Amino acid sequence: MCDEFAKIMHDEFEISMMDELNFFLGLPIKQMEDGIFFNQSKYIKEMLKKFGLEDSKPMKTLMSSDTKLMKDKECDSVDSTKYQGMIEALKTSYLEAVKRIFRHIKGTTHLGLWYPKGTSIETVVNANSDHVKDYVDRKSTSSICTFVGCCLTSWFSKKQTALVISTTEGEYVSAGKACQQALRMKQALIDYDV
């Protein structure tokens, strides 16, 4: 499969194959006989160092369930340059939440994605919606995960643009986004002649 991919790429682009691939698009890759494993450990370590969090204690969860981030005008301001570099917002409560996320990420540098050889190309798209979880604007969030065979190929979580009245409406919006993603994945598989 790698040889076929290399031939296709060589036909399209001027490239050379030197040795076993260790990095691809900045991601460390470990090739094994039964599949490929990659993660973002290099990027995570660089990011933690950039923001002075390399010695921070790792966290098991992204956020505490009782954390509520509000548009608080009376909250203390923080160093906006550092914060904007992290996430583009400006309040202390947000900065603390972002630091917790970074501490969680620190504890996950060894985790990655595993793509075993010989899996099917059956595509499955999972969608979910959380109804009115945003305390400020009352909008729901759509979450989509796409699998080809048993391999996760894409995922995202995005606040819905419309304000929905019911859980059913929120799920309907998420289902629409899942259909869009399924069509994109179908087209990608056609484009790659899979």
N, C-alpha and C. Protein backbone atom coordinates (compact mmCIF):
# COMPACT_ATOMS: atom_id res chain seq x y z
N MET A 1 0.83 -1.19 0.00
CA MET A 1 0.00 0.00 0.00
C MET A 1 0.88 1.25 0.00
N CYS A 2 1.95 1.26 0.78
CA CYS A 2 2.86 2.40 0.82
C CYS A 2 3.53 2.59 -0.54
N ASP A 3 3.89 1.46 -1.18
CA ASP A 3 4.53 1.55 -2.50
C ASP A 3 3.58 2.14 -3.53
N GLU A 4 2.30 1.72 -3.46
CA GLU A 4 1.30 2.28 -4.38
C GLU A 4 1.13 3.77 -4.15
N PHE A 5 1.05 4.17 -2.89
CA PHE A 5 0.92 5.59 -2.55
C PHE A 5 2.13 6.38 -3.06
N ALA A 6 3.33 5.82 -2.85
CA ALA A 6 4.56 6.49 -3.30
C ALA A 6 4.56 6.66 -4.81
N LYS A 7 4.09 5.65 -5.54
CA LYS A 7 4.03 5.74 -7.01
C LYS A 7 3.05 6.82 -7.45
N ILE A 8 1.88 6.86 -6.83
CA ILE A 8 0.88 7.88 -7.17
C ILE A 8 1.44 9.27 -6.90
N MET A 9 2.07 9.45 -5.74
CA MET A 9 2.64 10.75 -5.39
C MET A 9 3.78 11.12 -6.33
N HIS A 10 4.62 10.13 -6.71
CA HIS A 10 5.74 10.39 -7.61
C HIS A 10 5.24 10.79 -9.00
N ASP A 11 4.12 10.20 -9.43
CA ASP A 11 3.54 10.56 -10.72
C ASP A 11 3.02 11.99 -10.72
N GLU A 12 2.51 12.45 -9.58
CA GLU A 12 1.91 13.78 -9.48
C GLU A 12 2.91 14.87 -9.11
N PHE A 13 3.88 14.54 -8.27
CA PHE A 13 4.81 15.53 -7.72
C PHE A 13 6.24 15.07 -7.88
N GLU A 14 7.16 16.03 -7.83
CA GLU A 14 8.58 15.70 -7.85
C GLU A 14 9.01 15.37 -6.42
N ILE A 15 9.16 14.08 -6.13
CA ILE A 15 9.53 13.64 -4.78
C ILE A 15 10.60 12.56 -4.87
N SER A 16 11.22 12.29 -3.75
CA SER A 16 12.16 11.18 -3.68
C SER A 16 11.88 10.39 -2.41
N MET A 17 12.04 9.08 -2.50
CA MET A 17 11.86 8.20 -1.35
C MET A 17 13.25 7.85 -0.83
N MET A 18 13.54 8.27 0.42
CA MET A 18 14.88 8.07 0.94
C MET A 18 14.95 6.89 1.90
N ASP A 19 14.09 6.85 2.89
CA ASP A 19 14.16 5.82 3.92
C ASP A 19 12.77 5.68 4.54
N GLU A 20 12.67 4.91 5.60
CA GLU A 20 11.39 4.76 6.28
C GLU A 20 10.90 6.12 6.77
N LEU A 21 9.63 6.37 6.57
CA LEU A 21 9.01 7.63 6.96
C LEU A 21 8.91 7.73 8.48
N ASN A 22 9.51 8.78 9.06
CA ASN A 22 9.45 9.00 10.50
C ASN A 22 8.56 10.18 10.87
N PHE A 23 8.42 11.13 9.95
CA PHE A 23 7.57 12.30 10.16
C PHE A 23 6.75 12.53 8.90
N PHE A 24 5.49 12.91 9.09
CA PHE A 24 4.62 13.27 7.97
C PHE A 24 3.77 14.45 8.40
N LEU A 25 3.87 15.56 7.69
CA LEU A 25 3.16 16.80 8.02
C LEU A 25 3.43 17.21 9.47
N GLY A 26 4.67 17.02 9.92
CA GLY A 26 5.05 17.41 11.27
C GLY A 26 4.67 16.43 12.36
N LEU A 27 4.04 15.32 12.00
CA LEU A 27 3.63 14.32 12.99
C LEU A 27 4.63 13.17 13.02
N PRO A 28 5.10 12.78 14.22
CA PRO A 28 5.96 11.60 14.30
C PRO A 28 5.15 10.34 13.96
N ILE A 29 5.72 9.50 13.11
CA ILE A 29 5.04 8.28 12.66
C ILE A 29 5.89 7.07 13.01
N LYS A 30 5.23 6.05 13.52
CA LYS A 30 5.92 4.79 13.79
C LYS A 30 5.26 3.72 12.92
N GLN A 31 6.03 3.21 11.96
CA GLN A 31 5.53 2.18 11.06
C GLN A 31 5.85 0.81 11.65
N MET A 32 4.83 -0.04 11.71
CA MET A 32 5.01 -1.39 12.22
C MET A 32 4.46 -2.36 11.19
N GLU A 33 4.74 -3.61 11.38
CA GLU A 33 4.31 -4.61 10.42
C GLU A 33 2.79 -4.68 10.29
N ASP A 34 2.08 -4.45 11.40
CA ASP A 34 0.63 -4.58 11.37
C ASP A 34 -0.12 -3.25 11.28
N GLY A 35 0.60 -2.13 11.07
CA GLY A 35 -0.09 -0.86 10.92
C GLY A 35 0.81 0.34 11.16
N ILE A 36 0.19 1.49 11.28
CA ILE A 36 0.90 2.76 11.48
C ILE A 36 0.33 3.46 12.70
N PHE A 37 1.21 4.05 13.53
CA PHE A 37 0.80 4.81 14.70
C PHE A 37 1.41 6.20 14.60
N PHE A 38 0.59 7.23 14.86
CA PHE A 38 1.16 8.57 14.92
C PHE A 38 0.46 9.38 15.99
N ASN A 39 1.18 10.41 16.48
CA ASN A 39 0.62 11.29 17.49
C ASN A 39 1.19 12.69 17.31
N GLN A 40 0.85 13.59 18.22
CA GLN A 40 1.30 14.97 18.13
C GLN A 40 2.25 15.32 19.27
N SER A 41 3.02 14.36 19.74
CA SER A 41 3.88 14.59 20.90
C SER A 41 4.87 15.73 20.68
N LYS A 42 5.45 15.81 19.50
CA LYS A 42 6.42 16.88 19.21
C LYS A 42 5.75 18.25 19.31
N TYR A 43 4.60 18.38 18.70
CA TYR A 43 3.87 19.66 18.72
C TYR A 43 3.44 20.02 20.14
N ILE A 44 2.95 19.04 20.89
CA ILE A 44 2.50 19.28 22.26
C ILE A 44 3.67 19.78 23.11
N LYS A 45 4.82 19.13 23.00
CA LYS A 45 5.99 19.54 23.79
C LYS A 45 6.43 20.96 23.42
N GLU A 46 6.42 21.29 22.12
CA GLU A 46 6.78 22.64 21.68
C GLU A 46 5.80 23.67 22.23
N MET A 47 4.52 23.35 22.20
CA MET A 47 3.48 24.27 22.68
C MET A 47 3.61 24.49 24.19
N LEU A 48 3.82 23.43 24.94
CA LEU A 48 3.99 23.57 26.39
C LEU A 48 5.22 24.41 26.72
N LYS A 49 6.30 24.21 25.98
CA LYS A 49 7.51 25.00 26.21
C LYS A 49 7.27 26.47 25.87
N LYS A 50 6.60 26.73 24.76
CA LYS A 50 6.33 28.10 24.32
C LYS A 50 5.59 28.90 25.40
N PHE A 51 4.66 28.26 26.10
CA PHE A 51 3.85 28.96 27.09
C PHE A 51 4.31 28.70 28.53
N GLY A 52 5.51 28.13 28.69
CA GLY A 52 6.09 27.95 30.02
C GLY A 52 5.36 26.94 30.88
N LEU A 53 4.76 25.93 30.27
CA LEU A 53 3.98 24.94 31.02
C LEU A 53 4.60 23.55 30.98
N GLU A 54 5.87 23.45 30.55
CA GLU A 54 6.47 22.13 30.43
C GLU A 54 6.65 21.43 31.78
N ASP A 55 6.72 22.17 32.88
CA ASP A 55 6.85 21.58 34.21
C ASP A 55 5.51 21.45 34.94
N SER A 56 4.42 21.76 34.27
CA SER A 56 3.10 21.70 34.91
C SER A 56 2.69 20.25 35.15
N LYS A 57 1.81 20.06 36.12
CA LYS A 57 1.31 18.73 36.46
C LYS A 57 0.22 18.34 35.47
N PRO A 58 0.32 17.16 34.85
CA PRO A 58 -0.73 16.72 33.91
C PRO A 58 -2.08 16.54 34.60
N MET A 59 -3.17 16.78 33.87
CA MET A 59 -4.54 16.61 34.37
C MET A 59 -5.20 15.47 33.60
N LYS A 60 -6.08 14.73 34.27
CA LYS A 60 -6.77 13.62 33.61
C LYS A 60 -7.96 14.08 32.78
N THR A 61 -8.52 15.24 33.11
CA THR A 61 -9.69 15.74 32.37
C THR A 61 -9.39 17.11 31.78
N LEU A 62 -10.09 17.43 30.70
CA LEU A 62 -9.90 18.73 30.05
C LEU A 62 -10.35 19.88 30.94
N MET A 63 -11.55 19.74 31.51
CA MET A 63 -12.11 20.80 32.35
C MET A 63 -12.87 20.18 33.51
N SER A 64 -12.98 20.93 34.57
CA SER A 64 -13.81 20.51 35.69
C SER A 64 -15.27 20.70 35.28
N SER A 65 -16.13 19.80 35.67
CA SER A 65 -17.54 19.91 35.28
C SER A 65 -18.23 21.11 35.91
N ASP A 66 -17.66 21.66 36.97
CA ASP A 66 -18.30 22.83 37.59
C ASP A 66 -17.72 24.16 37.09
N THR A 67 -16.81 24.13 36.12
CA THR A 67 -16.27 25.37 35.55
C THR A 67 -17.31 26.01 34.65
N LYS A 68 -17.60 27.27 34.91
CA LYS A 68 -18.54 28.03 34.07
C LYS A 68 -17.82 29.27 33.58
N LEU A 69 -17.63 29.36 32.28
CA LEU A 69 -16.96 30.52 31.70
C LEU A 69 -18.02 31.49 31.20
N MET A 70 -18.01 32.67 31.74
CA MET A 70 -19.01 33.69 31.39
C MET A 70 -18.30 34.90 30.81
N LYS A 71 -19.06 35.76 30.15
CA LYS A 71 -18.54 37.04 29.70
C LYS A 71 -18.57 37.98 30.89
N ASP A 72 -17.51 37.93 31.69
CA ASP A 72 -17.45 38.65 32.96
C ASP A 72 -16.65 39.93 32.78
N LYS A 73 -17.33 41.06 32.76
CA LYS A 73 -16.66 42.34 32.55
C LYS A 73 -15.90 42.80 33.79
N GLU A 74 -16.21 42.25 34.96
CA GLU A 74 -15.54 42.66 36.19
C GLU A 74 -14.34 41.78 36.51
N CYS A 75 -14.08 40.79 35.72
CA CYS A 75 -12.96 39.87 35.94
C CYS A 75 -11.65 40.58 35.62
N ASP A 76 -10.57 40.20 36.32
CA ASP A 76 -9.26 40.79 36.06
C ASP A 76 -8.79 40.45 34.65
N SER A 77 -8.14 41.40 34.00
CA SER A 77 -7.54 41.15 32.70
C SER A 77 -6.20 40.44 32.88
N VAL A 78 -5.75 39.79 31.84
CA VAL A 78 -4.48 39.07 31.89
C VAL A 78 -3.58 39.59 30.77
N ASP A 79 -2.36 39.06 30.71
CA ASP A 79 -1.43 39.41 29.63
C ASP A 79 -2.05 38.96 28.31
N SER A 80 -2.59 39.91 27.57
CA SER A 80 -3.35 39.57 26.37
C SER A 80 -2.49 38.92 25.29
N THR A 81 -1.22 39.28 25.20
CA THR A 81 -0.36 38.70 24.17
C THR A 81 -0.19 37.20 24.40
N LYS A 82 0.09 36.82 25.65
CA LYS A 82 0.25 35.40 25.98
C LYS A 82 -1.05 34.66 25.74
N TYR A 83 -2.14 35.25 26.22
CA TYR A 83 -3.42 34.57 26.11
C TYR A 83 -3.89 34.45 24.67
N GLN A 84 -3.74 35.54 23.89
CA GLN A 84 -4.14 35.49 22.49
C GLN A 84 -3.32 34.45 21.74
N GLY A 85 -2.06 34.32 22.13
CA GLY A 85 -1.24 33.28 21.53
C GLY A 85 -1.76 31.90 21.82
N MET A 86 -2.39 31.74 22.98
CA MET A 86 -2.94 30.43 23.34
C MET A 86 -4.30 30.21 22.69
N ILE A 87 -5.19 31.20 22.77
CA ILE A 87 -6.56 30.90 22.35
C ILE A 87 -7.39 32.08 21.87
N GLU A 88 -6.90 33.30 21.90
CA GLU A 88 -7.64 34.47 21.41
C GLU A 88 -8.78 34.91 22.32
N ALA A 89 -8.60 34.97 23.61
CA ALA A 89 -9.60 35.52 24.52
C ALA A 89 -8.89 36.31 25.61
N LEU A 90 -9.64 36.99 26.51
CA LEU A 90 -8.97 37.95 27.37
C LEU A 90 -9.31 37.96 28.85
N LYS A 91 -9.89 36.97 29.44
CA LYS A 91 -10.27 37.02 30.86
C LYS A 91 -9.56 35.93 31.67
N THR A 92 -9.36 36.21 32.96
CA THR A 92 -8.64 35.30 33.85
C THR A 92 -9.27 33.91 33.90
N SER A 93 -10.58 33.84 34.03
CA SER A 93 -11.24 32.53 34.13
C SER A 93 -10.99 31.70 32.87
N TYR A 94 -10.95 32.36 31.72
CA TYR A 94 -10.67 31.65 30.48
C TYR A 94 -9.22 31.17 30.45
N LEU A 95 -8.29 32.03 30.89
CA LEU A 95 -6.88 31.65 30.91
C LEU A 95 -6.66 30.44 31.80
N GLU A 96 -7.30 30.40 32.95
CA GLU A 96 -7.17 29.24 33.84
C GLU A 96 -7.72 27.98 33.18
N ALA A 97 -8.83 28.11 32.46
CA ALA A 97 -9.40 26.96 31.76
C ALA A 97 -8.46 26.48 30.66
N VAL A 98 -7.85 27.42 29.94
CA VAL A 98 -6.91 27.06 28.88
C VAL A 98 -5.68 26.36 29.47
N LYS A 99 -5.18 26.87 30.60
CA LYS A 99 -4.03 26.23 31.24
C LYS A 99 -4.36 24.80 31.64
N ARG A 100 -5.58 24.57 32.12
CA ARG A 100 -5.98 23.20 32.49
C ARG A 100 -6.00 22.30 31.25
N ILE A 101 -6.47 22.84 30.13
CA ILE A 101 -6.48 22.06 28.89
C ILE A 101 -5.04 21.70 28.51
N PHE A 102 -4.13 22.66 28.61
CA PHE A 102 -2.72 22.39 28.30
C PHE A 102 -2.16 21.32 29.23
N ARG A 103 -2.52 21.37 30.51
CA ARG A 103 -2.04 20.37 31.47
C ARG A 103 -2.62 18.99 31.13
N HIS A 104 -3.85 18.96 30.66
CA HIS A 104 -4.44 17.69 30.23
C HIS A 104 -3.68 17.16 29.01
N ILE A 105 -3.43 18.04 28.05
CA ILE A 105 -2.72 17.64 26.84
C ILE A 105 -1.34 17.09 27.19
N LYS A 106 -0.68 17.70 28.17
CA LYS A 106 0.64 17.24 28.60
C LYS A 106 0.60 15.76 28.99
N GLY A 107 -0.46 15.34 29.63
CA GLY A 107 -0.58 13.95 30.05
C GLY A 107 -1.00 13.00 28.94
N THR A 108 -1.19 13.52 27.72
CA THR A 108 -1.63 12.67 26.61
C THR A 108 -0.62 12.60 25.48
N THR A 109 0.62 13.07 25.71
CA THR A 109 1.60 13.09 24.62
C THR A 109 1.88 11.70 24.05
N HIS A 110 1.71 10.66 24.84
CA HIS A 110 1.97 9.30 24.38
C HIS A 110 0.79 8.71 23.59
N LEU A 111 -0.36 9.37 23.63
CA LEU A 111 -1.53 8.86 22.92
C LEU A 111 -1.50 9.29 21.46
N GLY A 112 -2.13 8.53 20.61
CA GLY A 112 -2.17 8.85 19.20
C GLY A 112 -3.23 8.04 18.49
N LEU A 113 -3.10 7.95 17.19
CA LEU A 113 -4.04 7.19 16.39
C LEU A 113 -3.34 5.97 15.81
N TRP A 114 -4.05 4.85 15.81
CA TRP A 114 -3.53 3.58 15.30
C TRP A 114 -4.35 3.19 14.08
N TYR A 115 -3.67 2.96 12.97
CA TYR A 115 -4.31 2.54 11.74
C TYR A 115 -3.77 1.17 11.35
N PRO A 116 -4.52 0.10 11.70
CA PRO A 116 -4.04 -1.25 11.38
C PRO A 116 -4.18 -1.55 9.89
N LYS A 117 -3.34 -2.45 9.42
CA LYS A 117 -3.41 -2.88 8.02
C LYS A 117 -4.66 -3.71 7.80
N GLY A 118 -5.14 -3.68 6.57
CA GLY A 118 -6.21 -4.58 6.15
C GLY A 118 -7.59 -4.28 6.69
N THR A 119 -7.87 -3.05 7.08
CA THR A 119 -9.21 -2.74 7.57
C THR A 119 -10.13 -2.42 6.40
N SER A 120 -11.41 -2.55 6.62
CA SER A 120 -12.38 -2.27 5.56
C SER A 120 -12.48 -0.77 5.32
N ILE A 121 -13.17 -0.38 4.24
CA ILE A 121 -13.34 1.05 3.96
C ILE A 121 -14.78 1.49 4.23
N GLU A 122 -15.51 0.68 5.00
CA GLU A 122 -16.85 1.09 5.38
C GLU A 122 -16.75 2.40 6.18
N THR A 123 -17.52 3.39 5.75
CA THR A 123 -17.47 4.70 6.40
C THR A 123 -18.64 4.86 7.35
N VAL A 124 -18.34 5.28 8.58
CA VAL A 124 -19.36 5.52 9.59
C VAL A 124 -19.15 6.93 10.14
N VAL A 125 -20.23 7.71 10.18
CA VAL A 125 -20.16 9.06 10.73
C VAL A 125 -21.08 9.11 11.94
N ASN A 126 -20.52 9.46 13.09
CA ASN A 126 -21.30 9.60 14.33
C ASN A 126 -21.52 11.08 14.61
N ALA A 127 -22.74 11.43 15.00
CA ALA A 127 -23.06 12.82 15.31
C ALA A 127 -23.72 12.91 16.67
N ASN A 128 -23.49 14.03 17.34
CA ASN A 128 -24.12 14.27 18.63
C ASN A 128 -24.33 15.76 18.79
N SER A 129 -25.28 16.10 19.64
CA SER A 129 -25.54 17.51 19.93
C SER A 129 -25.81 17.64 21.42
N ASP A 130 -25.18 18.63 22.04
CA ASP A 130 -25.53 18.91 23.43
C ASP A 130 -26.48 20.10 23.40
N HIS A 131 -27.62 19.95 24.01
CA HIS A 131 -28.65 20.98 23.91
C HIS A 131 -28.41 22.10 24.93
N VAL A 132 -28.21 23.30 24.42
CA VAL A 132 -28.11 24.54 25.20
C VAL A 132 -27.09 24.42 26.34
N LYS A 133 -25.88 23.99 26.04
CA LYS A 133 -24.86 23.88 27.07
C LYS A 133 -24.11 25.19 27.29
N ASP A 134 -24.19 26.12 26.35
CA ASP A 134 -23.49 27.40 26.52
C ASP A 134 -24.31 28.30 27.42
N TYR A 135 -23.73 28.70 28.54
CA TYR A 135 -24.45 29.52 29.52
C TYR A 135 -24.68 30.94 29.03
N VAL A 136 -23.88 31.40 28.09
CA VAL A 136 -23.95 32.79 27.65
C VAL A 136 -24.98 32.98 26.54
N ASP A 137 -24.84 32.25 25.43
CA ASP A 137 -25.75 32.50 24.30
C ASP A 137 -26.78 31.39 24.07
N ARG A 138 -26.75 30.35 24.92
CA ARG A 138 -27.76 29.28 24.89
C ARG A 138 -27.73 28.45 23.60
N LYS A 139 -26.61 28.45 22.89
CA LYS A 139 -26.52 27.66 21.66
C LYS A 139 -25.99 26.26 21.96
N SER A 140 -26.38 25.33 21.10
CA SER A 140 -25.95 23.94 21.23
C SER A 140 -24.64 23.73 20.48
N THR A 141 -24.00 22.59 20.72
CA THR A 141 -22.75 22.25 20.05
C THR A 141 -22.93 20.93 19.30
N SER A 142 -22.49 20.91 18.04
CA SER A 142 -22.50 19.68 17.24
C SER A 142 -21.12 19.03 17.33
N SER A 143 -21.10 17.71 17.52
CA SER A 143 -19.85 16.96 17.53
C SER A 143 -19.96 15.84 16.50
N ILE A 144 -18.95 15.72 15.65
CA ILE A 144 -18.96 14.74 14.57
C ILE A 144 -17.65 13.95 14.60
N CYS A 145 -17.74 12.61 14.48
CA CYS A 145 -16.57 11.74 14.34
C CYS A 145 -16.78 10.88 13.10
N THR A 146 -15.75 10.78 12.26
CA THR A 146 -15.83 9.98 11.05
C THR A 146 -14.82 8.84 11.13
N PHE A 147 -15.30 7.63 10.86
CA PHE A 147 -14.45 6.44 10.86
C PHE A 147 -14.47 5.81 9.48
N VAL A 148 -13.31 5.39 9.00
CA VAL A 148 -13.22 4.54 7.81
C VAL A 148 -12.68 3.22 8.34
N GLY A 149 -13.53 2.18 8.26
CA GLY A 149 -13.21 0.94 8.94
C GLY A 149 -13.23 1.22 10.43
N CYS A 150 -12.20 0.79 11.13
CA CYS A 150 -12.12 1.06 12.58
C CYS A 150 -11.24 2.28 12.87
N CYS A 151 -10.87 3.02 11.83
CA CYS A 151 -9.90 4.12 11.98
C CYS A 151 -10.59 5.47 11.98
N LEU A 152 -10.35 6.24 13.03
CA LEU A 152 -10.84 7.61 13.11
C LEU A 152 -10.11 8.44 12.07
N THR A 153 -10.85 9.11 11.19
CA THR A 153 -10.22 9.91 10.13
C THR A 153 -10.46 11.40 10.28
N SER A 154 -11.54 11.79 10.93
CA SER A 154 -11.77 13.21 11.19
C SER A 154 -12.73 13.37 12.35
N TRP A 155 -12.63 14.52 13.00
CA TRP A 155 -13.53 14.82 14.12
C TRP A 155 -13.56 16.32 14.30
N PHE A 156 -14.69 16.81 14.77
CA PHE A 156 -14.77 18.22 15.14
C PHE A 156 -15.94 18.45 16.06
N SER A 157 -15.87 19.54 16.77
CA SER A 157 -16.93 19.97 17.66
C SER A 157 -17.09 21.46 17.43
N LYS A 158 -18.30 21.89 17.08
CA LYS A 158 -18.50 23.29 16.72
C LYS A 158 -19.85 23.77 17.25
N LYS A 159 -19.84 24.99 17.74
CA LYS A 159 -21.08 25.59 18.22
C LYS A 159 -22.02 25.80 17.03
N GLN A 160 -23.28 25.44 17.21
CA GLN A 160 -24.25 25.64 16.13
C GLN A 160 -24.54 27.13 15.96
N THR A 161 -24.75 27.55 14.71
CA THR A 161 -24.97 28.97 14.44
C THR A 161 -26.39 29.40 14.78
N ALA A 162 -27.33 28.48 14.71
CA ALA A 162 -28.73 28.82 14.99
C ALA A 162 -29.09 28.45 16.43
N LEU A 163 -29.98 29.18 17.01
CA LEU A 163 -30.50 28.89 18.34
C LEU A 163 -31.65 27.90 18.18
N VAL A 164 -31.51 26.71 18.79
CA VAL A 164 -32.55 25.69 18.64
C VAL A 164 -33.43 25.65 19.88
N ILE A 165 -34.67 25.26 19.68
CA ILE A 165 -35.65 25.27 20.76
C ILE A 165 -35.69 23.93 21.50
N SER A 166 -35.40 22.84 20.78
CA SER A 166 -35.52 21.53 21.41
C SER A 166 -34.27 20.68 21.15
N THR A 167 -34.16 19.61 21.91
CA THR A 167 -33.07 18.65 21.72
C THR A 167 -33.16 18.05 20.32
N THR A 168 -34.37 17.76 19.87
CA THR A 168 -34.58 17.18 18.55
C THR A 168 -34.04 18.09 17.46
N GLU A 169 -34.30 19.39 17.58
CA GLU A 169 -33.78 20.34 16.60
C GLU A 169 -32.26 20.34 16.58
N GLY A 170 -31.65 20.32 17.76
CA GLY A 170 -30.19 20.28 17.85
C GLY A 170 -29.62 19.03 17.21
N GLU A 171 -30.26 17.89 17.45
CA GLU A 171 -29.82 16.63 16.84
C GLU A 171 -29.99 16.68 15.33
N TYR A 172 -31.05 17.32 14.86
CA TYR A 172 -31.30 17.46 13.42
C TYR A 172 -30.18 18.27 12.77
N VAL A 173 -29.77 19.36 13.40
CA VAL A 173 -28.67 20.18 12.88
C VAL A 173 -27.39 19.34 12.82
N SER A 174 -27.11 18.59 13.88
CA SER A 174 -25.92 17.73 13.91
C SER A 174 -26.00 16.64 12.84
N ALA A 175 -27.17 16.07 12.63
CA ALA A 175 -27.34 15.05 11.60
C ALA A 175 -27.06 15.63 10.22
N GLY A 176 -27.48 16.87 9.98
CA GLY A 176 -27.20 17.54 8.72
C GLY A 176 -25.70 17.70 8.50
N LYS A 177 -24.99 18.10 9.56
CA LYS A 177 -23.53 18.24 9.47
C LYS A 177 -22.87 16.88 9.24
N ALA A 178 -23.42 15.83 9.84
CA ALA A 178 -22.89 14.48 9.65
C ALA A 178 -23.07 14.04 8.19
N CYS A 179 -24.20 14.38 7.60
CA CYS A 179 -24.43 14.05 6.18
C CYS A 179 -23.43 14.78 5.29
N GLN A 180 -23.17 16.05 5.60
CA GLN A 180 -22.15 16.80 4.84
C GLN A 180 -20.80 16.10 4.93
N GLN A 181 -20.44 15.68 6.14
CA GLN A 181 -19.15 15.02 6.35
C GLN A 181 -19.10 13.68 5.62
N ALA A 182 -20.20 12.93 5.63
CA ALA A 182 -20.25 11.65 4.93
C ALA A 182 -20.06 11.85 3.43
N LEU A 183 -20.67 12.89 2.88
CA LEU A 183 -20.51 13.17 1.45
C LEU A 183 -19.07 13.58 1.13
N ARG A 184 -18.46 14.39 2.01
CA ARG A 184 -17.05 14.77 1.81
C ARG A 184 -16.16 13.54 1.83
N MET A 185 -16.40 12.65 2.78
CA MET A 185 -15.57 11.45 2.90
C MET A 185 -15.78 10.54 1.69
N LYS A 186 -17.02 10.42 1.24
CA LYS A 186 -17.31 9.60 0.05
C LYS A 186 -16.54 10.14 -1.14
N GLN A 187 -16.55 11.47 -1.32
CA GLN A 187 -15.85 12.08 -2.44
C GLN A 187 -14.34 11.89 -2.31
N ALA A 188 -13.82 12.00 -1.09
CA ALA A 188 -12.38 11.79 -0.88
C ALA A 188 -11.98 10.36 -1.26
N LEU A 189 -12.80 9.38 -0.87
CA LEU A 189 -12.49 7.99 -1.21
C LEU A 189 -12.56 7.77 -2.71
N ILE A 190 -13.50 8.44 -3.38
CA ILE A 190 -13.58 8.36 -4.84
C ILE A 190 -12.34 9.00 -5.46
N ASP A 191 -11.96 10.19 -4.95
CA ASP A 191 -10.78 10.89 -5.47
C ASP A 191 -9.51 10.06 -5.31
N TYR A 192 -9.39 9.33 -4.19
CA TYR A 192 -8.22 8.49 -3.94
C TYR A 192 -8.35 7.11 -4.58
N ASP A 193 -9.45 6.92 -5.32
CA ASP A 193 -9.68 5.67 -6.05
C ASP A 193 -9.66 4.46 -5.12
N VAL A 194 -10.34 4.63 -3.96
CA VAL A 194 -10.40 3.54 -2.98
C VAL A 194 -11.72 2.81 -3.11
